[in-house]
PDB file of N, CA and C in Angstrom:
ATOM      1  N   UNK A   1      -1.432   8.671   0.568  1.00  0.00           N
ATOM      2  CA  UNK A   1      -1.108   7.453   1.043  1.00  0.00           C
ATOM      3  C   UNK A   1      -0.152   7.882   1.994  1.00  0.00           C
ATOM      4  N   UNK A   2      -0.382   8.998   2.444  1.00  0.00           N
ATOM      5  CA  UNK A   2      -0.596   8.458   3.626  1.00  0.00           C
ATOM      6  C   UNK A   2       0.206   9.305   4.483  1.00  0.00           C
ATOM      7  N   UNK A   3      -0.664  10.131   5.029  1.00  0.00           N
ATOM      8  CA  UNK A   3      -0.299  11.176   5.889  1.00  0.00           C
ATOM      9  C   UNK A   3       0.272  10.603   7.144  1.00  0.00           C
ATOM     10  N   UNK A   4       1.051  11.323   7.813  1.00  0.00           N
ATOM     11  CA  UNK A   4       1.675  10.851   9.076  1.00  0.00           C
ATOM     12  C   UNK A   4       0.799  11.204  10.295  1.00  0.00           C
ATOM     13  N   UNK A   5       0.111  12.301  10.274  1.00  0.00           N
ATOM     14  CA  UNK A   5      -0.694  12.797  11.403  1.00  0.00           C
ATOM     15  C   UNK A   5      -2.090  12.487  11.093  1.00  0.00           C
ATOM     16  N   UNK A   6      -2.905  12.185  12.100  1.00  0.00           N
ATOM     17  CA  UNK A   6      -4.332  11.906  11.972  1.00  0.00           C
ATOM     18  C   UNK A   6      -5.018  13.257  12.338  1.00  0.00           C
ATOM     19  N   UNK A   7      -6.331  13.192  12.553  1.00  0.00           N
ATOM     20  CA  UNK A   7      -7.174  14.354  12.829  1.00  0.00           C
ATOM     21  C   UNK A   7      -6.787  15.104  14.071  1.00  0.00           C
ATOM     22  N   UNK A   8      -6.244  14.311  15.078  1.00  0.00           N
ATOM     23  CA  UNK A   8      -5.689  15.028  16.343  1.00  0.00           C
ATOM     24  C   UNK A   8      -4.220  15.263  16.117  1.00  0.00           C
ATOM     25  N   UNK A   9      -3.863  16.425  16.599  1.00  0.00           N
ATOM     26  CA  UNK A   9      -2.335  16.709  16.336  1.00  0.00           C
ATOM     27  C   UNK A   9      -1.433  15.778  17.185  1.00  0.00           C
ATOM     28  N   UNK A  10      -1.935  15.152  18.120  1.00  0.00           N
ATOM     29  CA  UNK A  10      -1.127  14.164  18.907  1.00  0.00           C
ATOM     30  C   UNK A  10      -1.293  12.676  18.527  1.00  0.00           C
ATOM     31  N   UNK A  11      -2.123  12.356  17.527  1.00  0.00           N
ATOM     32  CA  UNK A  11      -2.335  10.947  17.155  1.00  0.00           C
ATOM     33  C   UNK A  11      -1.546  10.776  15.753  1.00  0.00           C
ATOM     34  N   UNK A  12      -0.581   9.794  15.886  1.00  0.00           N
ATOM     35  CA  UNK A  12       0.167   9.488  14.672  1.00  0.00           C
ATOM     36  C   UNK A  12      -0.596   8.361  14.032  1.00  0.00           C
ATOM     37  N   UNK A  13      -0.548   8.425  12.685  1.00  0.00           N
ATOM     38  CA  UNK A  13      -1.219   7.422  11.786  1.00  0.00           C
ATOM     39  C   UNK A  13      -0.116   6.538  11.244  1.00  0.00           C
ATOM     40  N   UNK A  14      -0.448   5.390  10.887  1.00  0.00           N
ATOM     41  CA  UNK A  14       0.478   4.492  10.207  1.00  0.00           C
ATOM     42  C   UNK A  14       0.992   5.053   8.880  1.00  0.00           C
ATOM     43  N   UNK A  15       2.262   4.710   8.477  1.00  0.00           N
ATOM     44  CA  UNK A  15       2.782   5.228   7.209  1.00  0.00           C
ATOM     45  C   UNK A  15       3.348   4.079   6.344  1.00  0.00           C
ATOM     46  N   UNK A  16       2.806   4.076   5.143  1.00  0.00           N
ATOM     47  CA  UNK A  16       3.106   3.097   4.142  1.00  0.00           C
ATOM     48  C   UNK A  16       4.421   3.572   3.437  1.00  0.00           C
ATOM     49  N   UNK A  17       4.519   4.881   3.047  1.00  0.00           N
ATOM     50  CA  UNK A  17       5.646   5.338   2.433  1.00  0.00           C
ATOM     51  C   UNK A  17       5.622   5.230   0.952  1.00  0.00           C
ATOM     52  N   UNK A  18       4.366   5.253   0.399  1.00  0.00           N
ATOM     53  CA  UNK A  18       4.150   5.189  -0.943  1.00  0.00           C
ATOM     54  C   UNK A  18       2.869   6.015  -1.438  1.00  0.00           C
ATOM     55  N   UNK A  19       2.964   6.607  -2.574  1.00  0.00           N
ATOM     56  CA  UNK A  19       1.885   7.180  -3.164  1.00  0.00           C
ATOM     57  C   UNK A  19       1.119   6.223  -4.051  1.00  0.00           C
ATOM     58  N   UNK A  20      -0.187   6.020  -3.840  1.00  0.00           N
ATOM     59  CA  UNK A  20      -1.016   5.112  -4.556  1.00  0.00           C
ATOM     60  C   UNK A  20      -2.011   5.734  -5.416  1.00  0.00           C
ATOM     61  N   UNK A  21      -2.269   5.242  -6.611  1.00  0.00           N
ATOM     62  CA  UNK A  21      -3.325   5.905  -7.395  1.00  0.00           C
ATOM     63  C   UNK A  21      -4.258   4.849  -7.816  1.00  0.00           C
ATOM     64  N   UNK A  22      -5.533   5.203  -7.813  1.00  0.00           N
ATOM     65  CA  UNK A  22      -6.510   4.292  -8.460  1.00  0.00           C
ATOM     66  C   UNK A  22      -6.649   4.481  -9.947  1.00  0.00           C
ATOM     67  N   UNK A  23      -6.557   3.372 -10.678  1.00  0.00           N
ATOM     68  CA  UNK A  23      -6.614   3.300 -12.071  1.00  0.00           C
ATOM     69  C   UNK A  23      -7.681   2.519 -12.622  1.00  0.00           C
ATOM     70  N   UNK A  24      -8.354   2.938 -13.573  1.00  0.00           N
ATOM     71  CA  UNK A  24      -9.485   2.217 -14.153  1.00  0.00           C
ATOM     72  C   UNK A  24      -9.233   1.856 -15.624  1.00  0.00           C
ATOM     73  N   UNK A  25      -8.174   0.902 -15.722  1.00  0.00           N
ATOM     74  CA  UNK A  25      -7.863   0.524 -17.080  1.00  0.00           C
ATOM     75  C   UNK A  25      -7.712  -0.964 -17.304  1.00  0.00           C
ATOM     76  N   UNK A  26      -8.119  -1.762 -16.354  1.00  0.00           N
ATOM     77  CA  UNK A  26      -8.076  -3.191 -16.517  1.00  0.00           C
ATOM     78  C   UNK A  26      -6.657  -3.743 -16.397  1.00  0.00           C
ATOM     79  N   UNK A  27      -5.734  -3.188 -15.732  1.00  0.00           N
ATOM     80  CA  UNK A  27      -4.423  -3.658 -15.415  1.00  0.00           C
ATOM     81  C   UNK A  27      -4.570  -4.911 -14.575  1.00  0.00           C
ATOM     82  N   UNK A  28      -3.857  -5.948 -14.840  1.00  0.00           N
ATOM     83  CA  UNK A  28      -3.910  -7.231 -14.066  1.00  0.00           C
ATOM     84  C   UNK A  28      -5.285  -7.802 -14.164  1.00  0.00           C
ATOM     85  N   UNK A  29      -6.067  -7.653 -15.153  1.00  0.00           N
ATOM     86  CA  UNK A  29      -7.354  -8.227 -15.415  1.00  0.00           C
ATOM     87  C   UNK A  29      -8.460  -7.722 -14.505  1.00  0.00           C
ATOM     88  N   UNK A  30      -8.258  -6.563 -13.865  1.00  0.00           N
ATOM     89  CA  UNK A  30      -9.359  -5.934 -12.971  1.00  0.00           C
ATOM     90  C   UNK A  30      -9.738  -4.633 -13.660  1.00  0.00           C
ATOM     91  N   UNK A  31     -10.906  -4.223 -13.260  1.00  0.00           N
ATOM     92  CA  UNK A  31     -11.486  -2.910 -13.827  1.00  0.00           C
ATOM     93  C   UNK A  31     -10.913  -1.785 -12.956  1.00  0.00           C
ATOM     94  N   UNK A  32     -10.812  -1.878 -11.660  1.00  0.00           N
ATOM     95  CA  UNK A  32     -10.400  -0.834 -10.821  1.00  0.00           C
ATOM     96  C   UNK A  32      -9.148  -1.494  -9.983  1.00  0.00           C
ATOM     97  N   UNK A  33      -7.966  -0.792 -10.255  1.00  0.00           N
ATOM     98  CA  UNK A  33      -6.762  -1.232  -9.487  1.00  0.00           C
ATOM     99  C   UNK A  33      -6.042  -0.089  -8.849  1.00  0.00           C
ATOM    100  N   UNK A  34      -5.290  -0.441  -7.876  1.00  0.00           N
ATOM    101  CA  UNK A  34      -4.377   0.473  -7.169  1.00  0.00           C
ATOM    102  C   UNK A  34      -2.994   0.271  -7.581  1.00  0.00           C
ATOM    103  N   UNK A  35      -2.391   1.365  -8.132  1.00  0.00           N
ATOM    104  CA  UNK A  35      -0.976   1.236  -8.631  1.00  0.00           C
ATOM    105  C   UNK A  35      -0.154   2.149  -7.734  1.00  0.00           C
ATOM    106  N   UNK A  36       0.970   1.630  -7.420  1.00  0.00           N
ATOM    107  CA  UNK A  36       1.930   2.369  -6.691  1.00  0.00           C
ATOM    108  C   UNK A  36       2.643   3.344  -7.607  1.00  0.00           C
ATOM    109  N   UNK A  37       2.292   4.631  -7.391  1.00  0.00           N
ATOM    110  CA  UNK A  37       2.854   5.662  -8.173  1.00  0.00           C
ATOM    111  C   UNK A  37       4.337   6.023  -7.920  1.00  0.00           C
ATOM    112  N   UNK A  38       4.649   6.135  -6.556  1.00  0.00           N
ATOM    113  CA  UNK A  38       6.007   6.460  -6.175  1.00  0.00           C
ATOM    114  C   UNK A  38       6.148   5.825  -4.874  1.00  0.00           C
ATOM    115  N   UNK A  39       7.502   5.576  -4.530  1.00  0.00           N
ATOM    116  CA  UNK A  39       7.874   5.043  -3.231  1.00  0.00           C
ATOM    117  C   UNK A  39       8.804   6.023  -2.509  1.00  0.00           C
ATOM    118  N   UNK A  40       8.648   6.364  -1.367  1.00  0.00           N
ATOM    119  CA  UNK A  40       9.410   7.286  -0.539  1.00  0.00           C
ATOM    120  C   UNK A  40      10.636   6.673  -0.045  1.00  0.00           C
ATOM    121  N   UNK A  41      11.791   7.084  -0.432  1.00  0.00           N
ATOM    122  CA  UNK A  41      13.083   6.549  -0.011  1.00  0.00           C
ATOM    123  C   UNK A  41      13.121   6.483   1.487  1.00  0.00           C
ATOM    124  N   UNK A  42      13.549   5.269   1.927  1.00  0.00           N
ATOM    125  CA  UNK A  42      13.728   5.074   3.385  1.00  0.00           C
ATOM    126  C   UNK A  42      12.487   4.677   4.165  1.00  0.00           C
ATOM    127  N   UNK A  43      11.292   4.716   3.488  1.00  0.00           N
ATOM    128  CA  UNK A  43      10.124   4.336   4.104  1.00  0.00           C
ATOM    129  C   UNK A  43       9.832   2.863   4.166  1.00  0.00           C
ATOM    130  N   UNK A  44       8.751   2.348   4.726  1.00  0.00           N
ATOM    131  CA  UNK A  44       8.439   0.902   4.860  1.00  0.00           C
ATOM    132  C   UNK A  44       8.278   0.356   3.410  1.00  0.00           C
ATOM    133  N   UNK A  45       7.634   0.955   2.474  1.00  0.00           N
ATOM    134  CA  UNK A  45       7.442   0.419   1.168  1.00  0.00           C
ATOM    135  C   UNK A  45       8.789   0.359   0.404  1.00  0.00           C
ATOM    136  N   UNK A  46       9.704   1.204   0.605  1.00  0.00           N
ATOM    137  CA  UNK A  46      11.085   1.158   0.004  1.00  0.00           C
ATOM    138  C   UNK A  46      11.870  -0.098   0.666  1.00  0.00           C
ATOM    139  N   UNK A  47      11.737  -0.239   1.973  1.00  0.00           N
ATOM    140  CA  UNK A  47      12.437  -1.269   2.625  1.00  0.00           C
ATOM    141  C   UNK A  47      11.901  -2.700   2.181  1.00  0.00           C
ATOM    142  N   UNK A  48      10.626  -2.667   1.849  1.00  0.00           N
ATOM    143  CA  UNK A  48      10.042  -3.927   1.304  1.00  0.00           C
ATOM    144  C   UNK A  48      10.268  -4.206  -0.127  1.00  0.00           C
ATOM    145  N   UNK A  49      10.961  -3.220  -0.850  1.00  0.00           N
ATOM    146  CA  UNK A  49      11.233  -3.484  -2.179  1.00  0.00           C
ATOM    147  C   UNK A  49      10.136  -3.070  -3.175  1.00  0.00           C
ATOM    148  N   UNK A  50       9.060  -2.462  -2.763  1.00  0.00           N
ATOM    149  CA  UNK A  50       8.070  -2.048  -3.627  1.00  0.00           C
ATOM    150  C   UNK A  50       8.642  -0.964  -4.638  1.00  0.00           C
ATOM    151  N   UNK A  51       7.965  -1.061  -5.782  1.00  0.00           N
ATOM    152  CA  UNK A  51       8.376  -0.109  -6.899  1.00  0.00           C
ATOM    153  C   UNK A  51       7.280   0.483  -7.603  1.00  0.00           C
ATOM    154  N   UNK A  52       7.580   1.785  -8.145  1.00  0.00           N
ATOM    155  CA  UNK A  52       6.546   2.421  -8.962  1.00  0.00           C
ATOM    156  C   UNK A  52       6.075   1.439  -9.957  1.00  0.00           C
ATOM    157  N   UNK A  53       4.721   1.501 -10.314  1.00  0.00           N
ATOM    158  CA  UNK A  53       3.954   0.660 -11.228  1.00  0.00           C
ATOM    159  C   UNK A  53       3.619  -0.686 -10.734  1.00  0.00           C
ATOM    160  N   UNK A  54       4.104  -0.927  -9.477  1.00  0.00           N
ATOM    161  CA  UNK A  54       3.491  -2.243  -8.868  1.00  0.00           C
ATOM    162  C   UNK A  54       2.037  -2.082  -8.759  1.00  0.00           C
ATOM    163  N   UNK A  55       1.221  -3.180  -8.894  1.00  0.00           N
ATOM    164  CA  UNK A  55      -0.246  -3.092  -8.766  1.00  0.00           C
ATOM    165  C   UNK A  55      -0.641  -3.801  -7.520  1.00  0.00           C
ATOM    166  N   UNK A  56      -1.233  -3.114  -6.554  1.00  0.00           N
ATOM    167  CA  UNK A  56      -1.467  -3.799  -5.308  1.00  0.00           C
ATOM    168  C   UNK A  56      -2.655  -4.705  -5.435  1.00  0.00           C
ATOM    169  N   UNK A  57      -2.353  -6.028  -4.981  1.00  0.00           N
ATOM    170  CA  UNK A  57      -3.424  -6.936  -5.007  1.00  0.00           C
ATOM    171  C   UNK A  57      -4.069  -7.306  -3.680  1.00  0.00           C
ATOM    172  N   UNK A  58      -3.228  -7.413  -2.624  1.00  0.00           N
ATOM    173  CA  UNK A  58      -3.694  -7.826  -1.221  1.00  0.00           C
ATOM    174  C   UNK A  58      -2.939  -7.267  -0.133  1.00  0.00           C
ATOM    175  N   UNK A  59      -3.528  -7.094   0.967  1.00  0.00           N
ATOM    176  CA  UNK A  59      -3.026  -6.693   2.287  1.00  0.00           C
ATOM    177  C   UNK A  59      -3.168  -7.709   3.298  1.00  0.00           C
ATOM    178  N   UNK A  60      -2.231  -8.400   3.750  1.00  0.00           N
ATOM    179  CA  UNK A  60      -2.323  -9.627   4.632  1.00  0.00           C
ATOM    180  C   UNK A  60      -3.410 -10.530   4.095  1.00  0.00           C
ATOM    181  N   UNK A  61      -3.380 -10.834   2.868  1.00  0.00           N
ATOM    182  CA  UNK A  61      -4.259 -11.806   2.280  1.00  0.00           C
ATOM    183  C   UNK A  61      -5.619 -11.318   1.884  1.00  0.00           C
ATOM    184  N   UNK A  62      -5.943 -10.025   2.221  1.00  0.00           N
ATOM    185  CA  UNK A  62      -7.209  -9.481   1.880  1.00  0.00           C
ATOM    186  C   UNK A  62      -7.055  -8.750   0.538  1.00  0.00           C
ATOM    187  N   UNK A  63      -7.988  -9.084  -0.430  1.00  0.00           N
ATOM    188  CA  UNK A  63      -7.940  -8.345  -1.672  1.00  0.00           C
ATOM    189  C   UNK A  63      -8.225  -6.921  -1.500  1.00  0.00           C
ATOM    190  N   UNK A  64      -7.504  -5.989  -2.189  1.00  0.00           N
ATOM    191  CA  UNK A  64      -7.710  -4.484  -1.995  1.00  0.00           C
ATOM    192  C   UNK A  64      -8.149  -4.005  -3.402  1.00  0.00           C
ATOM    193  N   UNK A  65      -9.385  -3.424  -3.326  1.00  0.00           N
ATOM    194  CA  UNK A  65      -9.739  -2.933  -4.570  1.00  0.00           C
ATOM    195  C   UNK A  65     -10.226  -1.485  -4.632  1.00  0.00           C
ATOM    196  N   UNK A  66      -9.927  -0.708  -3.623  1.00  0.00           N
ATOM    197  CA  UNK A  66     -10.227   0.775  -3.544  1.00  0.00           C
ATOM    198  C   UNK A  66      -9.304   1.462  -2.602  1.00  0.00           C
ATOM    199  N   UNK A  67      -9.251   2.750  -2.962  1.00  0.00           N
ATOM    200  CA  UNK A  67      -8.430   3.571  -1.993  1.00  0.00           C
ATOM    201  C   UNK A  67      -9.017   3.640  -0.662  1.00  0.00           C
ATOM    202  N   UNK A  68     -10.376   3.626  -0.601  1.00  0.00           N
ATOM    203  CA  UNK A  68     -11.071   3.690   0.703  1.00  0.00           C
ATOM    204  C   UNK A  68     -10.715   2.441   1.604  1.00  0.00           C
ATOM    205  N   UNK A  69     -10.705   1.362   0.909  1.00  0.00           N
ATOM    206  CA  UNK A  69     -10.364   0.102   1.636  1.00  0.00           C
ATOM    207  C   UNK A  69      -8.904   0.126   2.114  1.00  0.00           C
ATOM    208  N   UNK A  70      -8.050   0.677   1.320  1.00  0.00           N
ATOM    209  CA  UNK A  70      -6.642   0.770   1.657  1.00  0.00           C
ATOM    210  C   UNK A  70      -6.426   1.751   2.969  1.00  0.00           C
ATOM    211  N   UNK A  71      -7.164   2.864   2.809  1.00  0.00           N
ATOM    212  CA  UNK A  71      -7.045   3.680   3.992  1.00  0.00           C
ATOM    213  C   UNK A  71      -7.593   3.083   5.286  1.00  0.00           C
ATOM    214  N   UNK A  72      -8.752   2.307   5.041  1.00  0.00           N
ATOM    215  CA  UNK A  72      -9.229   1.683   6.284  1.00  0.00           C
ATOM    216  C   UNK A  72      -8.121   0.673   6.821  1.00  0.00           C
ATOM    217  N   UNK A  73      -7.517  -0.105   6.006  1.00  0.00           N
ATOM    218  CA  UNK A  73      -6.546  -1.072   6.377  1.00  0.00           C
ATOM    219  C   UNK A  73      -5.308  -0.342   7.086  1.00  0.00           C
ATOM    220  N   UNK A  74      -5.016   0.787   6.519  1.00  0.00           N
ATOM    221  CA  UNK A  74      -3.999   1.587   7.120  1.00  0.00           C
ATOM    222  C   UNK A  74      -4.325   2.045   8.475  1.00  0.00           C
ATOM    223  N   UNK A  75      -5.585   2.536   8.691  1.00  0.00           N
ATOM    224  CA  UNK A  75      -5.850   2.985   9.961  1.00  0.00           C
ATOM    225  C   UNK A  75      -6.120   1.839  10.934  1.00  0.00           C
ATOM    226  N   UNK A  76      -6.389   0.716  10.515  1.00  0.00           N
ATOM    227  CA  UNK A  76      -6.549  -0.492  11.474  1.00  0.00           C
ATOM    228  C   UNK A  76      -5.205  -1.134  11.858  1.00  0.00           C
ATOM    229  N   UNK A  77      -4.080  -0.769  11.117  1.00  0.00           N
ATOM    230  CA  UNK A  77      -2.854  -1.449  11.336  1.00  0.00           C
ATOM    231  C   UNK A  77      -2.003  -0.683  12.309  1.00  0.00           C
ATOM    232  N   UNK A  78      -1.569  -1.109  13.388  1.00  0.00           N
ATOM    233  CA  UNK A  78      -0.798  -0.289  14.329  1.00  0.00           C
ATOM    234  C   UNK A  78       0.580   0.046  13.773  1.00  0.00           C
ATOM    235  N   UNK A  79       1.253   1.080  14.091  1.00  0.00           N
ATOM    236  CA  UNK A  79       2.591   1.516  13.842  1.00  0.00           C
ATOM    237  C   UNK A  79       3.433   0.322  14.443  1.00  0.00           C
ATOM    238  N   UNK A  80       4.350  -0.149  13.576  1.00  0.00           N
ATOM    239  CA  UNK A  80       5.294  -1.299  14.023  1.00  0.00           C
ATOM    240  C   UNK A  80       4.773  -2.683  13.711  1.00  0.00           C
ATOM    241  N   UNK A  81       3.525  -2.724  13.204  1.00  0.00           N
ATOM    242  CA  UNK A  81       2.990  -4.067  12.897  1.00  0.00           C
ATOM    243  C   UNK A  81       3.577  -4.551  11.635  1.00  0.00           C
ATOM    244  N   UNK A  82       3.696  -5.954  11.432  1.00  0.00           N
ATOM    245  CA  UNK A  82       4.191  -6.510  10.180  1.00  0.00           C
ATOM    246  C   UNK A  82       2.927  -6.612   9.244  1.00  0.00           C
ATOM    247  N   UNK A  83       3.122  -6.422   8.006  1.00  0.00           N
ATOM    248  CA  UNK A  83       2.132  -6.526   7.004  1.00  0.00           C
ATOM    249  C   UNK A  83       2.711  -7.226   5.781  1.00  0.00           C
ATOM    250  N   UNK A  84       2.035  -8.112   5.133  1.00  0.00           N
ATOM    251  CA  UNK A  84       2.434  -8.685   3.861  1.00  0.00           C
ATOM    252  C   UNK A  84       1.588  -8.162   2.703  1.00  0.00           C
ATOM    253  N   UNK A  85       2.199  -7.418   1.812  1.00  0.00           N
ATOM    254  CA  UNK A  85       1.452  -6.900   0.666  1.00  0.00           C
ATOM    255  C   UNK A  85       1.774  -7.859  -0.515  1.00  0.00           C
ATOM    256  N   UNK A  86       0.794  -8.110  -1.360  1.00  0.00           N
ATOM    257  CA  UNK A  86       0.913  -8.766  -2.572  1.00  0.00           C
ATOM    258  C   UNK A  86       0.725  -7.843  -3.671  1.00  0.00           C
ATOM    259  N   UNK A  87       1.758  -7.737  -4.644  1.00  0.00           N
ATOM    260  CA  UNK A  87       1.618  -6.878  -5.783  1.00  0.00           C
ATOM    261  C   UNK A  87       1.925  -7.617  -7.006  1.00  0.00           C
ATOM    262  N   UNK A  88       1.375  -7.118  -8.126  1.00  0.00           N
ATOM    263  CA  UNK A  88       1.658  -7.626  -9.354  1.00  0.00           C
ATOM    264  C   UNK A  88       2.822  -6.735 -10.005  1.00  0.00           C
ATOM    265  N   UNK A  89       3.763  -7.392 -10.561  1.00  0.00           N
ATOM    266  CA  UNK A  89       4.990  -6.767 -11.085  1.00  0.00           C
ATOM    267  C   UNK A  89       5.401  -7.610 -12.298  1.00  0.00           C
ATOM    268  N   UNK A  90       5.436  -6.918 -13.441  1.00  0.00           N
ATOM    269  CA  UNK A  90       5.850  -7.625 -14.711  1.00  0.00           C
ATOM    270  C   UNK A  90       5.274  -8.938 -14.836  1.00  0.00           C
ATOM    271  N   UNK A  91       3.837  -8.929 -14.586  1.00  0.00           N
ATOM    272  CA  UNK A  91       3.058 -10.230 -14.851  1.00  0.00           C
ATOM    273  C   UNK A  91       3.235 -11.310 -13.782  1.00  0.00           C
ATOM    274  N   UNK A  92       4.018 -11.082 -12.700  1.00  0.00           N
ATOM    275  CA  UNK A  92       4.205 -12.007 -11.574  1.00  0.00           C
ATOM    276  C   UNK A  92       3.662 -11.460 -10.347  1.00  0.00           C
ATOM    277  N   UNK A  93       3.008 -12.274  -9.458  1.00  0.00           N
ATOM    278  CA  UNK A  93       2.690 -11.779  -8.103  1.00  0.00           C
ATOM    279  C   UNK A  93       3.858 -11.875  -7.167  1.00  0.00           C
ATOM    280  N   UNK A  94       4.160 -10.768  -6.633  1.00  0.00           N
ATOM    281  CA  UNK A  94       5.321 -10.730  -5.657  1.00  0.00           C
ATOM    282  C   UNK A  94       4.737 -10.449  -4.242  1.00  0.00           C
ATOM    283  N   UNK A  95       5.242 -11.182  -3.280  1.00  0.00           N
ATOM    284  CA  UNK A  95       4.974 -10.822  -1.845  1.00  0.00           C
ATOM    285  C   UNK A  95       6.052  -9.894  -1.376  1.00  0.00           C
ATOM    286  N   UNK A  96       5.518  -8.903  -0.554  1.00  0.00           N
ATOM    287  CA  UNK A  96       6.478  -7.884   0.033  1.00  0.00           C
ATOM    288  C   UNK A  96       6.061  -7.662   1.460  1.00  0.00           C
ATOM    289  N   UNK A  97       6.889  -8.388   2.276  1.00  0.00           N
ATOM    290  CA  UNK A  97       6.509  -8.160   3.741  1.00  0.00           C
ATOM    291  C   UNK A  97       7.284  -6.751   4.159  1.00  0.00           C
ATOM    292  N   UNK A  98       6.505  -6.069   5.041  1.00  0.00           N
ATOM    293  CA  UNK A  98       6.955  -4.769   5.506  1.00  0.00           C
ATOM    294  C   UNK A  98       6.547  -4.545   7.001  1.00  0.00           C
ATOM    295  N   UNK A  99       7.177  -3.592   7.665  1.00  0.00           N
ATOM    296  CA  UNK A  99       6.751  -3.203   8.955  1.00  0.00           C
ATOM    297  C   UNK A  99       6.215  -1.793   8.847  1.00  0.00           C
ATOM    298  N   UNK A 100       4.941  -1.597   9.351  1.00  0.00           N
ATOM    299  CA  UNK A 100       4.329  -0.284   9.212  1.00  0.00           C
ATOM    300  C   UNK A 100       5.163   0.698   9.999  1.00  0.00           C
ATOM    301  N   UNK A 101       5.343   1.952   9.406  1.00  0.00           N
ATOM    302  CA  UNK A 101       6.086   3.101   9.985  1.00  0.00           C
ATOM    303  C   UNK A 101       5.085   3.961  10.651  1.00  0.00           C
TER     304      UNK A 101
END
């Protein structure tokens, strides 16, 4: 989640600033979920208040159900663009606006 450099050494990729794991245990009533494993201090996810164990629900209103989809959304989002993530935390859906790094 999310390397800073793309395939070309001169092309920067957007940065979320969090490590995300796919979990298959029914968290949040789903069979396959993406759980924020860790948040990098000072990164966009940290600034948005995301925390370890948050369960990713949506990216700008689009439900996210795979790491492949998350990577596609990251690639399609320009650096500096605003993004609103929805995450489940302690049984509540929390909105977390952030700016892609």
